Every structure is written in structure tokens, then in C-alpha cells.
Amino acid sequence: MLHARVATRVIQEVREAKRQTPLALMDLTERELEVLRLIASGHSNTVIAETLVLSEKTVKRHVSNILSKLQMQDRTQAAVFAWQQGLMRGN
């Protein structure tokens, strides 16, 4: 479940975002893909850390790496990208 403001932002991002090349996904490690899927599911860094049994600092580093590799500015863009690329199918 997403807060109404977050859902609105996600919809706007989907409509406005350029479709990124799937090759960008190849730059991500398996752990970064796991983190990206959890971001796209709406989880906070704290929940991601608990789920993957990592420190919150490590999760923040993964998020930073993901955003850098995908050349995105925020988690919302990364979440939209994950959905656009089909990473969330079956979730």
C-alpha cells in the first residue's frame, strides 16, 4: 500500500519518465537488485536492513550505488524504473 501522495508521484514519474535501457540493470549486483525490488515495494531503509539482515548504513550505501548506476536522483525514480523493467512481476 502506498500513501496517496506517493502513489500520485509514482504515477507522474511513470508518465514522465523516459524508458531506460535494460542494460543499466546489468551494472547492478544481485544485492543491489534485491534492494531495488524492496525499494519498489515501498520499504524504508530500516525495513530493508531488517529483511536482508544488513546494517542501515549498508542499505544506504546500496541505495546510493543504485541511484548512481541508474543515473537517477531519488528512490521514486528507481522504483518506477524497477516496475517499468518488469522487476516486480510476480511480487
N, C-alpha and C. Protein backbone atom coordinates (compact mmCIF):
# COMPACT_ATOMS: atom_id res chain seq x y z
N MET A 1 0.85 -1.17 0.00
CA MET A 1 0.00 0.00 0.00
C MET A 1 0.90 1.24 0.00
N LEU A 2 0.54 2.19 -0.80
CA LEU A 2 1.28 3.43 -0.88
C LEU A 2 0.41 4.58 -0.40
N HIS A 3 1.03 5.53 0.26
CA HIS A 3 0.34 6.75 0.66
C HIS A 3 -0.12 7.44 -0.62
N ALA A 4 -1.24 8.15 -0.56
CA ALA A 4 -1.82 8.79 -1.74
C ALA A 4 -0.84 9.71 -2.45
N ARG A 5 -0.06 10.48 -1.68
CA ARG A 5 0.91 11.38 -2.30
C ARG A 5 2.01 10.61 -3.02
N VAL A 6 2.45 9.51 -2.42
CA VAL A 6 3.49 8.69 -3.05
C VAL A 6 2.94 8.04 -4.31
N ALA A 7 1.73 7.52 -4.25
CA ALA A 7 1.11 6.90 -5.42
C ALA A 7 0.97 7.90 -6.56
N THR A 8 0.56 9.12 -6.23
CA THR A 8 0.44 10.16 -7.24
C THR A 8 1.78 10.45 -7.88
N ARG A 9 2.82 10.52 -7.05
CA ARG A 9 4.17 10.80 -7.57
C ARG A 9 4.64 9.65 -8.46
N VAL A 10 4.38 8.44 -8.05
CA VAL A 10 4.79 7.28 -8.86
C VAL A 10 4.09 7.33 -10.22
N ILE A 11 2.82 7.62 -10.22
CA ILE A 11 2.08 7.71 -11.48
C ILE A 11 2.66 8.80 -12.37
N GLN A 12 2.97 9.95 -11.77
CA GLN A 12 3.58 11.04 -12.54
C GLN A 12 4.92 10.61 -13.12
N GLU A 13 5.72 9.95 -12.31
CA GLU A 13 7.04 9.51 -12.77
C GLU A 13 6.91 8.50 -13.92
N VAL A 14 5.95 7.60 -13.81
CA VAL A 14 5.74 6.61 -14.87
C VAL A 14 5.38 7.32 -16.17
N ARG A 15 4.50 8.29 -16.06
CA ARG A 15 4.06 9.01 -17.25
C ARG A 15 5.18 9.85 -17.86
N GLU A 16 6.02 10.45 -17.02
CA GLU A 16 7.03 11.39 -17.48
C GLU A 16 8.39 10.75 -17.77
N ALA A 17 8.65 9.65 -17.13
CA ALA A 17 9.99 9.05 -17.22
C ALA A 17 10.25 8.47 -18.60
N LYS A 18 11.46 8.69 -19.07
CA LYS A 18 11.88 8.04 -20.30
C LYS A 18 12.16 6.59 -19.96
N ARG A 19 11.86 5.72 -20.89
CA ARG A 19 12.16 4.31 -20.67
C ARG A 19 13.68 4.13 -20.72
N GLN A 20 14.23 3.67 -19.62
CA GLN A 20 15.67 3.47 -19.52
C GLN A 20 16.07 2.14 -20.17
N THR A 21 17.27 2.07 -20.63
CA THR A 21 17.74 0.84 -21.23
C THR A 21 17.91 -0.26 -20.18
N PRO A 22 17.43 -1.47 -20.47
CA PRO A 22 17.61 -2.58 -19.52
C PRO A 22 19.08 -2.89 -19.26
N LEU A 23 19.97 -2.41 -20.14
CA LEU A 23 21.40 -2.65 -19.91
C LEU A 23 21.86 -2.04 -18.59
N ALA A 24 21.18 -1.00 -18.14
CA ALA A 24 21.54 -0.39 -16.85
C ALA A 24 21.41 -1.40 -15.72
N LEU A 25 20.48 -2.33 -15.86
CA LEU A 25 20.29 -3.35 -14.83
C LEU A 25 21.51 -4.27 -14.74
N MET A 26 22.21 -4.43 -15.83
CA MET A 26 23.37 -5.32 -15.83
C MET A 26 24.49 -4.79 -14.94
N ASP A 27 24.49 -3.49 -14.68
CA ASP A 27 25.51 -2.90 -13.82
C ASP A 27 25.25 -3.15 -12.34
N LEU A 28 24.03 -3.55 -12.01
CA LEU A 28 23.67 -3.76 -10.61
C LEU A 28 24.08 -5.15 -10.14
N THR A 29 24.56 -5.23 -8.90
CA THR A 29 24.87 -6.52 -8.30
C THR A 29 23.56 -7.20 -7.90
N GLU A 30 23.64 -8.48 -7.57
CA GLU A 30 22.45 -9.20 -7.12
C GLU A 30 21.87 -8.54 -5.87
N ARG A 31 22.73 -8.13 -4.95
CA ARG A 31 22.27 -7.48 -3.72
C ARG A 31 21.58 -6.15 -4.04
N GLU A 32 22.16 -5.39 -4.96
CA GLU A 32 21.55 -4.12 -5.35
C GLU A 32 20.18 -4.35 -5.99
N LEU A 33 20.05 -5.42 -6.78
CA LEU A 33 18.74 -5.75 -7.35
C LEU A 33 17.73 -6.09 -6.26
N GLU A 34 18.19 -6.83 -5.24
CA GLU A 34 17.31 -7.13 -4.10
C GLU A 34 16.83 -5.85 -3.42
N VAL A 35 17.78 -4.96 -3.18
CA VAL A 35 17.45 -3.68 -2.54
C VAL A 35 16.49 -2.89 -3.43
N LEU A 36 16.75 -2.85 -4.73
CA LEU A 36 15.89 -2.13 -5.66
C LEU A 36 14.47 -2.67 -5.63
N ARG A 37 14.33 -3.98 -5.60
CA ARG A 37 12.98 -4.58 -5.53
C ARG A 37 12.27 -4.18 -4.23
N LEU A 38 13.01 -4.14 -3.15
CA LEU A 38 12.40 -3.75 -1.87
C LEU A 38 12.04 -2.26 -1.87
N ILE A 39 12.87 -1.44 -2.49
CA ILE A 39 12.53 -0.01 -2.64
C ILE A 39 11.24 0.11 -3.44
N ALA A 40 11.16 -0.62 -4.55
CA ALA A 40 9.98 -0.55 -5.42
C ALA A 40 8.74 -1.09 -4.72
N SER A 41 8.93 -1.90 -3.71
CA SER A 41 7.81 -2.41 -2.92
C SER A 41 7.39 -1.42 -1.84
N GLY A 42 8.12 -0.31 -1.74
CA GLY A 42 7.76 0.75 -0.80
C GLY A 42 8.39 0.65 0.57
N HIS A 43 9.41 -0.17 0.72
CA HIS A 43 10.03 -0.37 2.03
C HIS A 43 11.06 0.71 2.35
N SER A 44 11.15 1.05 3.60
CA SER A 44 12.14 2.02 4.09
C SER A 44 13.49 1.34 4.23
N ASN A 45 14.54 2.14 4.39
CA ASN A 45 15.88 1.58 4.61
C ASN A 45 15.91 0.68 5.84
N THR A 46 15.19 1.08 6.87
CA THR A 46 15.16 0.29 8.11
C THR A 46 14.58 -1.10 7.85
N VAL A 47 13.47 -1.15 7.14
CA VAL A 47 12.82 -2.43 6.84
C VAL A 47 13.70 -3.26 5.90
N ILE A 48 14.30 -2.60 4.92
CA ILE A 48 15.20 -3.31 4.00
C ILE A 48 16.36 -3.92 4.79
N ALA A 49 16.93 -3.15 5.70
CA ALA A 49 18.04 -3.65 6.52
C ALA A 49 17.61 -4.87 7.33
N GLU A 50 16.44 -4.80 7.94
CA GLU A 50 15.93 -5.94 8.73
C GLU A 50 15.67 -7.14 7.85
N THR A 51 15.09 -6.92 6.69
CA THR A 51 14.75 -8.01 5.77
C THR A 51 15.99 -8.73 5.26
N LEU A 52 17.01 -7.96 4.91
CA LEU A 52 18.22 -8.55 4.33
C LEU A 52 19.33 -8.81 5.36
N VAL A 53 19.02 -8.53 6.63
CA VAL A 53 19.96 -8.70 7.72
C VAL A 53 21.26 -7.93 7.43
N LEU A 54 21.08 -6.64 7.21
CA LEU A 54 22.17 -5.72 6.95
C LEU A 54 22.06 -4.54 7.89
N SER A 55 23.12 -3.77 8.00
CA SER A 55 23.01 -2.52 8.75
C SER A 55 22.32 -1.49 7.87
N GLU A 56 21.72 -0.50 8.51
CA GLU A 56 21.05 0.56 7.76
C GLU A 56 22.07 1.35 6.94
N LYS A 57 23.28 1.47 7.46
CA LYS A 57 24.34 2.17 6.74
C LYS A 57 24.68 1.44 5.44
N THR A 58 24.72 0.11 5.49
CA THR A 58 24.98 -0.68 4.29
C THR A 58 23.87 -0.51 3.27
N VAL A 59 22.64 -0.50 3.74
CA VAL A 59 21.50 -0.30 2.84
C VAL A 59 21.60 1.07 2.18
N LYS A 60 21.93 2.09 2.95
CA LYS A 60 22.08 3.44 2.38
C LYS A 60 23.16 3.46 1.30
N ARG A 61 24.23 2.73 1.52
CA ARG A 61 25.30 2.66 0.52
C ARG A 61 24.79 1.96 -0.74
N HIS A 62 24.03 0.88 -0.57
CA HIS A 62 23.46 0.19 -1.73
C HIS A 62 22.52 1.12 -2.50
N VAL A 63 21.67 1.85 -1.78
CA VAL A 63 20.73 2.77 -2.42
C VAL A 63 21.51 3.83 -3.21
N SER A 64 22.53 4.36 -2.60
CA SER A 64 23.37 5.36 -3.28
C SER A 64 24.00 4.79 -4.54
N ASN A 65 24.51 3.57 -4.45
CA ASN A 65 25.12 2.91 -5.62
C ASN A 65 24.08 2.69 -6.72
N ILE A 66 22.89 2.26 -6.33
CA ILE A 66 21.81 2.02 -7.30
C ILE A 66 21.48 3.31 -8.04
N LEU A 67 21.27 4.37 -7.28
CA LEU A 67 20.91 5.66 -7.90
C LEU A 67 22.02 6.14 -8.82
N SER A 68 23.25 5.97 -8.40
CA SER A 68 24.38 6.39 -9.22
C SER A 68 24.47 5.58 -10.51
N LYS A 69 24.39 4.27 -10.40
CA LYS A 69 24.49 3.40 -11.57
C LYS A 69 23.35 3.62 -12.56
N LEU A 70 22.16 3.89 -12.03
CA LEU A 70 21.00 4.11 -12.90
C LEU A 70 20.85 5.56 -13.31
N GLN A 71 21.74 6.41 -12.79
CA GLN A 71 21.72 7.85 -13.08
C GLN A 71 20.35 8.45 -12.74
N MET A 72 19.93 8.19 -11.53
CA MET A 72 18.65 8.68 -11.04
C MET A 72 18.87 9.52 -9.80
N GLN A 73 17.90 10.40 -9.52
CA GLN A 73 18.06 11.33 -8.42
C GLN A 73 17.44 10.86 -7.11
N ASP A 74 16.40 10.00 -7.19
CA ASP A 74 15.75 9.61 -5.95
C ASP A 74 15.15 8.21 -6.04
N ARG A 75 14.70 7.74 -4.89
CA ARG A 75 14.14 6.40 -4.76
C ARG A 75 12.90 6.20 -5.62
N THR A 76 12.11 7.25 -5.76
CA THR A 76 10.88 7.15 -6.55
C THR A 76 11.21 6.83 -8.00
N GLN A 77 12.20 7.52 -8.55
CA GLN A 77 12.60 7.23 -9.93
C GLN A 77 13.09 5.78 -10.05
N ALA A 78 13.85 5.34 -9.07
CA ALA A 78 14.36 3.96 -9.09
C ALA A 78 13.21 2.96 -9.00
N ALA A 79 12.22 3.25 -8.16
CA ALA A 79 11.06 2.36 -8.02
C ALA A 79 10.28 2.29 -9.33
N VAL A 80 10.06 3.42 -9.95
CA VAL A 80 9.36 3.45 -11.23
C VAL A 80 10.13 2.64 -12.27
N PHE A 81 11.44 2.83 -12.31
CA PHE A 81 12.29 2.10 -13.24
C PHE A 81 12.15 0.59 -13.01
N ALA A 82 12.16 0.16 -11.76
CA ALA A 82 12.03 -1.27 -11.45
C ALA A 82 10.72 -1.82 -11.99
N TRP A 83 9.64 -1.08 -11.80
CA TRP A 83 8.34 -1.51 -12.30
C TRP A 83 8.33 -1.53 -13.83
N GLN A 84 8.89 -0.49 -14.45
CA GLN A 84 8.93 -0.42 -15.92
C GLN A 84 9.72 -1.57 -16.52
N GLN A 85 10.75 -1.98 -15.85
CA GLN A 85 11.62 -3.04 -16.37
C GLN A 85 11.13 -4.44 -16.01
N GLY A 86 10.01 -4.53 -15.33
CA GLY A 86 9.43 -5.84 -15.02
C GLY A 86 10.05 -6.55 -13.84
N LEU A 87 10.81 -5.82 -13.02
CA LEU A 87 11.44 -6.47 -11.86
C LEU A 87 10.43 -6.88 -10.81
N MET A 88 9.24 -6.31 -10.87
CA MET A 88 8.25 -6.56 -9.83
C MET A 88 7.19 -7.56 -10.23
N ARG A 89 7.32 -8.14 -11.39
CA ARG A 89 6.34 -9.15 -11.83
C ARG A 89 6.35 -10.31 -10.85
N GLY A 90 5.17 -10.73 -10.48
CA GLY A 90 5.06 -11.86 -9.55
C GLY A 90 5.20 -11.46 -8.10
N ASN A 91 5.45 -10.17 -7.82
CA ASN A 91 5.56 -9.70 -6.43
C ASN A 91 4.25 -9.14 -5.98
